[in-house]
Amino acid sequence: MKTMVTQKQILKHFNLSRDTLVAMEKEGLPFCKISVRDKEYDIKQVAEWLKIIRKDIDSMVIGKIDF
């Protein structure tokens, strides 16, 4: 069963700023638009998306610069 929450609830639950949430939406964060201004989020889908993104970030290798 999906647990749908409002934007305000998702911001509080994951301790995000509104700007960060908007940036994450542009990067593919799943959400449902319910009106012109309002969106809903499946909290489990958001948690899974964040887990994948964090895994991708953790696996990044930053190269050594030789001078």
PDB file of N, CA and C in Angstrom:
ATOM      1  N   MET A   1       0.841  -1.188   0.000  1.00  0.00           N
ATOM      2  CA  MET A   1       0.000   0.000   0.000  1.00  0.00           C
ATOM      3  C   MET A   1       0.885   1.251   0.000  1.00  0.00           C
ATOM      4  N   LYS A   2       0.513   2.200  -0.820  1.00  0.00           N
ATOM      5  CA  LYS A   2       1.276   3.441  -0.909  1.00  0.00           C
ATOM      6  C   LYS A   2       0.926   4.363   0.251  1.00  0.00           C
ATOM      7  N   THR A   3       1.951   5.004   0.769  1.00  0.00           N
ATOM      8  CA  THR A   3       1.756   6.016   1.794  1.00  0.00           C
ATOM      9  C   THR A   3       2.075   7.357   1.155  1.00  0.00           C
ATOM     10  N   MET A   4       1.045   8.056   0.730  1.00  0.00           N
ATOM     11  CA  MET A   4       1.217   9.334   0.054  1.00  0.00           C
ATOM     12  C   MET A   4       1.241  10.454   1.090  1.00  0.00           C
ATOM     13  N   VAL A   5       2.198  11.375   0.897  1.00  0.00           N
ATOM     14  CA  VAL A   5       2.337  12.500   1.816  1.00  0.00           C
ATOM     15  C   VAL A   5       2.445  13.796   1.023  1.00  0.00           C
ATOM     16  N   THR A   6       2.210  14.894   1.706  1.00  0.00           N
ATOM     17  CA  THR A   6       2.281  16.211   1.073  1.00  0.00           C
ATOM     18  C   THR A   6       3.733  16.681   0.971  1.00  0.00           C
ATOM     19  N   GLN A   7       3.926  17.758   0.233  1.00  0.00           N
ATOM     20  CA  GLN A   7       5.259  18.345   0.106  1.00  0.00           C
ATOM     21  C   GLN A   7       5.798  18.756   1.478  1.00  0.00           C
ATOM     22  N   LYS A   8       4.965  19.372   2.262  1.00  0.00           N
ATOM     23  CA  LYS A   8       5.379  19.820   3.596  1.00  0.00           C
ATOM     24  C   LYS A   8       5.826  18.634   4.453  1.00  0.00           C
ATOM     25  N   GLN A   9       5.099  17.534   4.369  1.00  0.00           N
ATOM     26  CA  GLN A   9       5.439  16.346   5.149  1.00  0.00           C
ATOM     27  C   GLN A   9       6.754  15.723   4.679  1.00  0.00           C
ATOM     28  N   ILE A  10       6.974  15.692   3.361  1.00  0.00           N
ATOM     29  CA  ILE A  10       8.204  15.097   2.833  1.00  0.00           C
ATOM     30  C   ILE A  10       9.407  15.951   3.211  1.00  0.00           C
ATOM     31  N   LEU A  11       9.232  17.273   3.203  1.00  0.00           N
ATOM     32  CA  LEU A  11      10.317  18.171   3.607  1.00  0.00           C
ATOM     33  C   LEU A  11      10.712  17.911   5.055  1.00  0.00           C
ATOM     34  N   LYS A  12       9.714  17.776   5.903  1.00  0.00           N
ATOM     35  CA  LYS A  12       9.972  17.554   7.327  1.00  0.00           C
ATOM     36  C   LYS A  12      10.563  16.169   7.571  1.00  0.00           C
ATOM     37  N   HIS A  13       9.997  15.154   6.942  1.00  0.00           N
ATOM     38  CA  HIS A  13      10.429  13.773   7.167  1.00  0.00           C
ATOM     39  C   HIS A  13      11.897  13.559   6.798  1.00  0.00           C
ATOM     40  N   PHE A  14      12.314  14.128   5.665  1.00  0.00           N
ATOM     41  CA  PHE A  14      13.690  13.937   5.196  1.00  0.00           C
ATOM     42  C   PHE A  14      14.593  15.136   5.498  1.00  0.00           C
ATOM     43  N   ASN A  15      14.069  16.117   6.224  1.00  0.00           N
ATOM     44  CA  ASN A  15      14.833  17.308   6.605  1.00  0.00           C
ATOM     45  C   ASN A  15      15.452  17.989   5.377  1.00  0.00           C
ATOM     46  N   LEU A  16      14.595  18.323   4.414  1.00  0.00           N
ATOM     47  CA  LEU A  16      15.025  18.946   3.165  1.00  0.00           C
ATOM     48  C   LEU A  16      14.522  20.372   3.074  1.00  0.00           C
ATOM     49  N   SER A  17      15.239  21.189   2.332  1.00  0.00           N
ATOM     50  CA  SER A  17      14.729  22.524   2.011  1.00  0.00           C
ATOM     51  C   SER A  17      13.857  22.399   0.763  1.00  0.00           C
ATOM     52  N   ARG A  18      13.013  23.371   0.542  1.00  0.00           N
ATOM     53  CA  ARG A  18      12.150  23.368  -0.641  1.00  0.00           C
ATOM     54  C   ARG A  18      12.997  23.408  -1.920  1.00  0.00           C
ATOM     55  N   ASP A  19      14.065  24.200  -1.914  1.00  0.00           N
ATOM     56  CA  ASP A  19      14.945  24.282  -3.088  1.00  0.00           C
ATOM     57  C   ASP A  19      15.592  22.933  -3.398  1.00  0.00           C
ATOM     58  N   THR A  20      16.004  22.222  -2.366  1.00  0.00           N
ATOM     59  CA  THR A  20      16.598  20.898  -2.558  1.00  0.00           C
ATOM     60  C   THR A  20      15.575  19.939  -3.141  1.00  0.00           C
ATOM     61  N   LEU A  21      14.358  19.986  -2.638  1.00  0.00           N
ATOM     62  CA  LEU A  21      13.304  19.113  -3.141  1.00  0.00           C
ATOM     63  C   LEU A  21      13.025  19.392  -4.612  1.00  0.00           C
ATOM     64  N   VAL A  22      12.951  20.650  -4.990  1.00  0.00           N
ATOM     65  CA  VAL A  22      12.712  21.017  -6.390  1.00  0.00           C
ATOM     66  C   VAL A  22      13.852  20.500  -7.268  1.00  0.00           C
ATOM     67  N   ALA A  23      15.086  20.658  -6.808  1.00  0.00           N
ATOM     68  CA  ALA A  23      16.244  20.159  -7.567  1.00  0.00           C
ATOM     69  C   ALA A  23      16.178  18.638  -7.712  1.00  0.00           C
ATOM     70  N   MET A  24      15.776  17.959  -6.649  1.00  0.00           N
ATOM     71  CA  MET A  24      15.663  16.501  -6.697  1.00  0.00           C
ATOM     72  C   MET A  24      14.559  16.069  -7.659  1.00  0.00           C
ATOM     73  N   GLU A  25      13.464  16.808  -7.704  1.00  0.00           N
ATOM     74  CA  GLU A  25      12.392  16.508  -8.658  1.00  0.00           C
ATOM     75  C   GLU A  25      12.908  16.620 -10.090  1.00  0.00           C
ATOM     76  N   LYS A  26      13.722  17.620 -10.358  1.00  0.00           N
ATOM     77  CA  LYS A  26      14.296  17.802 -11.696  1.00  0.00           C
ATOM     78  C   LYS A  26      15.237  16.657 -12.063  1.00  0.00           C
ATOM     79  N   GLU A  27      15.808  16.010 -11.044  1.00  0.00           N
ATOM     80  CA  GLU A  27      16.721  14.883 -11.262  1.00  0.00           C
ATOM     81  C   GLU A  27      15.990  13.541 -11.306  1.00  0.00           C
ATOM     82  N   GLY A  28      14.669  13.568 -11.118  1.00  0.00           N
ATOM     83  CA  GLY A  28      13.897  12.338 -11.260  1.00  0.00           C
ATOM     84  C   GLY A  28      13.186  11.830 -10.030  1.00  0.00           C
ATOM     85  N   LEU A  29      13.176  12.595  -8.957  1.00  0.00           N
ATOM     86  CA  LEU A  29      12.453  12.184  -7.757  1.00  0.00           C
ATOM     87  C   LEU A  29      10.982  11.957  -8.109  1.00  0.00           C
ATOM     88  N   PRO A  30      10.428  10.786  -7.783  1.00  0.00           N
ATOM     89  CA  PRO A  30       9.032  10.506  -8.141  1.00  0.00           C
ATOM     90  C   PRO A  30       8.028  11.298  -7.301  1.00  0.00           C
ATOM     91  N   PHE A  31       7.026  11.852  -7.981  1.00  0.00           N
ATOM     92  CA  PHE A  31       5.940  12.558  -7.307  1.00  0.00           C
ATOM     93  C   PHE A  31       4.707  12.534  -8.195  1.00  0.00           C
ATOM     94  N   CYS A  32       3.558  12.836  -7.605  1.00  0.00           N
ATOM     95  CA  CYS A  32       2.296  12.938  -8.338  1.00  0.00           C
ATOM     96  C   CYS A  32       1.782  14.356  -8.196  1.00  0.00           C
ATOM     97  N   LYS A  33       1.493  14.972  -9.316  1.00  0.00           N
ATOM     98  CA  LYS A  33       0.940  16.320  -9.285  1.00  0.00           C
ATOM     99  C   LYS A  33      -0.571  16.194  -9.107  1.00  0.00           C
ATOM    100  N   ILE A  34      -1.094  16.789  -8.046  1.00  0.00           N
ATOM    101  CA  ILE A  34      -2.526  16.661  -7.775  1.00  0.00           C
ATOM    102  C   ILE A  34      -3.300  17.929  -8.109  1.00  0.00           C
ATOM    103  N   SER A  35      -2.593  19.037  -8.275  1.00  0.00           N
ATOM    104  CA  SER A  35      -3.195  20.286  -8.738  1.00  0.00           C
ATOM    105  C   SER A  35      -2.065  21.161  -9.264  1.00  0.00           C
ATOM    106  N   VAL A  36      -2.399  22.361  -9.679  1.00  0.00           N
ATOM    107  CA  VAL A  36      -1.386  23.260 -10.230  1.00  0.00           C
ATOM    108  C   VAL A  36      -0.252  23.490  -9.233  1.00  0.00           C
ATOM    109  N   ARG A  37      -0.580  23.619  -7.971  1.00  0.00           N
ATOM    110  CA  ARG A  37       0.422  23.935  -6.943  1.00  0.00           C
ATOM    111  C   ARG A  37       0.790  22.767  -6.040  1.00  0.00           C
ATOM    112  N   ASP A  38      -0.041  21.759  -5.985  1.00  0.00           N
ATOM    113  CA  ASP A  38       0.153  20.702  -4.990  1.00  0.00           C
ATOM    114  C   ASP A  38       0.680  19.409  -5.602  1.00  0.00           C
ATOM    115  N   LYS A  39       1.542  18.743  -4.831  1.00  0.00           N
ATOM    116  CA  LYS A  39       2.114  17.465  -5.227  1.00  0.00           C
ATOM    117  C   LYS A  39       2.001  16.506  -4.057  1.00  0.00           C
ATOM    118  N   GLU A  40       1.987  15.224  -4.383  1.00  0.00           N
ATOM    119  CA  GLU A  40       2.034  14.182  -3.363  1.00  0.00           C
ATOM    120  C   GLU A  40       3.214  13.272  -3.668  1.00  0.00           C
ATOM    121  N   TYR A  41       3.741  12.669  -2.625  1.00  0.00           N
ATOM    122  CA  TYR A  41       4.914  11.816  -2.743  1.00  0.00           C
ATOM    123  C   TYR A  41       4.646  10.498  -2.033  1.00  0.00           C
ATOM    124  N   ASP A  42       5.051   9.401  -2.651  1.00  0.00           N
ATOM    125  CA  ASP A  42       5.011   8.095  -1.997  1.00  0.00           C
ATOM    126  C   ASP A  42       6.291   7.997  -1.174  1.00  0.00           C
ATOM    127  N   ILE A  43       6.145   8.004   0.123  1.00  0.00           N
ATOM    128  CA  ILE A  43       7.302   8.087   1.010  1.00  0.00           C
ATOM    129  C   ILE A  43       8.278   6.931   0.792  1.00  0.00           C
ATOM    130  N   LYS A  44       7.773   5.739   0.470  1.00  0.00           N
ATOM    131  CA  LYS A  44       8.656   4.592   0.221  1.00  0.00           C
ATOM    132  C   LYS A  44       9.441   4.775  -1.079  1.00  0.00           C
ATOM    133  N   GLN A  45       8.791   5.307  -2.111  1.00  0.00           N
ATOM    134  CA  GLN A  45       9.487   5.560  -3.376  1.00  0.00           C
ATOM    135  C   GLN A  45      10.565   6.621  -3.199  1.00  0.00           C
ATOM    136  N   VAL A  46      10.263   7.646  -2.437  1.00  0.00           N
ATOM    137  CA  VAL A  46      11.242   8.711  -2.189  1.00  0.00           C
ATOM    138  C   VAL A  46      12.434   8.151  -1.415  1.00  0.00           C
ATOM    139  N   ALA A  47      12.176   7.350  -0.400  1.00  0.00           N
ATOM    140  CA  ALA A  47      13.259   6.750   0.387  1.00  0.00           C
ATOM    141  C   ALA A  47      14.136   5.867  -0.496  1.00  0.00           C
ATOM    142  N   GLU A  48      13.523   5.077  -1.363  1.00  0.00           N
ATOM    143  CA  GLU A  48      14.284   4.212  -2.273  1.00  0.00           C
ATOM    144  C   GLU A  48      15.097   5.040  -3.261  1.00  0.00           C
ATOM    145  N   TRP A  49      14.500   6.102  -3.793  1.00  0.00           N
ATOM    146  CA  TRP A  49      15.207   6.982  -4.733  1.00  0.00           C
ATOM    147  C   TRP A  49      16.422   7.604  -4.055  1.00  0.00           C
ATOM    148  N   LEU A  50      16.254   8.085  -2.838  1.00  0.00           N
ATOM    149  CA  LEU A  50      17.370   8.676  -2.091  1.00  0.00           C
ATOM    150  C   LEU A  50      18.469   7.646  -1.825  1.00  0.00           C
ATOM    151  N   LYS A  51      18.074   6.430  -1.527  1.00  0.00           N
ATOM    152  CA  LYS A  51      19.037   5.357  -1.276  1.00  0.00           C
ATOM    153  C   LYS A  51      19.882   5.102  -2.526  1.00  0.00           C
ATOM    154  N   ILE A  52      19.250   5.056  -3.682  1.00  0.00           N
ATOM    155  CA  ILE A  52      19.962   4.833  -4.947  1.00  0.00           C
ATOM    156  C   ILE A  52      20.904   5.993  -5.240  1.00  0.00           C
ATOM    157  N   ILE A  53      20.421   7.213  -5.060  1.00  0.00           N
ATOM    158  CA  ILE A  53      21.249   8.394  -5.324  1.00  0.00           C
ATOM    159  C   ILE A  53      22.461   8.410  -4.390  1.00  0.00           C
ATOM    160  N   ARG A  54      22.241   8.123  -3.133  1.00  0.00           N
ATOM    161  CA  ARG A  54      23.358   8.104  -2.171  1.00  0.00           C
ATOM    162  C   ARG A  54      24.370   7.024  -2.532  1.00  0.00           C
ATOM    163  N   LYS A  55      23.878   5.868  -2.977  1.00  0.00           N
ATOM    164  CA  LYS A  55      24.766   4.784  -3.390  1.00  0.00           C
ATOM    165  C   LYS A  55      25.610   5.234  -4.581  1.00  0.00           C
ATOM    166  N   ASP A  56      24.986   5.898  -5.548  1.00  0.00           N
ATOM    167  CA  ASP A  56      25.715   6.413  -6.712  1.00  0.00           C
ATOM    168  C   ASP A  56      26.785   7.413  -6.288  1.00  0.00           C
ATOM    169  N   ILE A  57      26.441   8.284  -5.366  1.00  0.00           N
ATOM    170  CA  ILE A  57      27.398   9.293  -4.895  1.00  0.00           C
ATOM    171  C   ILE A  57      28.553   8.616  -4.151  1.00  0.00           C
ATOM    172  N   ASP A  58      28.227   7.661  -3.292  1.00  0.00           N
ATOM    173  CA  ASP A  58      29.260   6.971  -2.524  1.00  0.00           C
ATOM    174  C   ASP A  58      30.220   6.182  -3.412  1.00  0.00           C
ATOM    175  N   SER A  59      29.733   5.720  -4.563  1.00  0.00           N
ATOM    176  CA  SER A  59      30.577   4.915  -5.440  1.00  0.00           C
ATOM    177  C   SER A  59      31.411   5.758  -6.406  1.00  0.00           C
ATOM    178  N   MET A  60      31.237   7.060  -6.382  1.00  0.00           N
ATOM    179  CA  MET A  60      32.007   7.927  -7.272  1.00  0.00           C
ATOM    180  C   MET A  60      33.476   7.937  -6.848  1.00  0.00           C
ATOM    181  N   VAL A  61      34.333   7.926  -7.833  1.00  0.00           N
ATOM    182  CA  VAL A  61      35.765   7.992  -7.573  1.00  0.00           C
ATOM    183  C   VAL A  61      36.267   9.317  -8.116  1.00  0.00           C
ATOM    184  N   ILE A  62      36.890  10.054  -7.248  1.00  0.00           N
ATOM    185  CA  ILE A  62      37.438  11.340  -7.659  1.00  0.00           C
ATOM    186  C   ILE A  62      38.904  11.115  -8.007  1.00  0.00           C
ATOM    187  N   GLY A  63      39.241  11.485  -9.222  1.00  0.00           N
ATOM    188  CA  GLY A  63      40.590  11.233  -9.717  1.00  0.00           C
ATOM    189  C   GLY A  63      41.646  12.093  -9.056  1.00  0.00           C
ATOM    190  N   LYS A  64      42.848  11.594  -9.117  1.00  0.00           N
ATOM    191  CA  LYS A  64      44.004  12.293  -8.569  1.00  0.00           C
ATOM    192  C   LYS A  64      44.563  13.199  -9.661  1.00  0.00           C
ATOM    193  N   ILE A  65      44.873  14.402  -9.310  1.00  0.00           N
ATOM    194  CA  ILE A  65      45.431  15.352 -10.268  1.00  0.00           C
ATOM    195  C   ILE A  65      46.938  15.389 -10.071  1.00  0.00           C
ATOM    196  N   ASP A  66      47.663  15.094 -11.134  1.00  0.00           N
ATOM    197  CA  ASP A  66      49.128  15.147 -11.084  1.00  0.00           C
ATOM    198  C   ASP A  66      49.595  16.508 -11.560  1.00  0.00           C
ATOM    199  N   PHE A  67      50.512  17.090 -10.824  1.00  0.00           N
ATOM    200  CA  PHE A  67      51.063  18.394 -11.213  1.00  0.00           C
ATOM    201  C   PHE A  67      52.464  18.237 -11.725  1.00  0.00           C
TER     202      PHE A  67
END
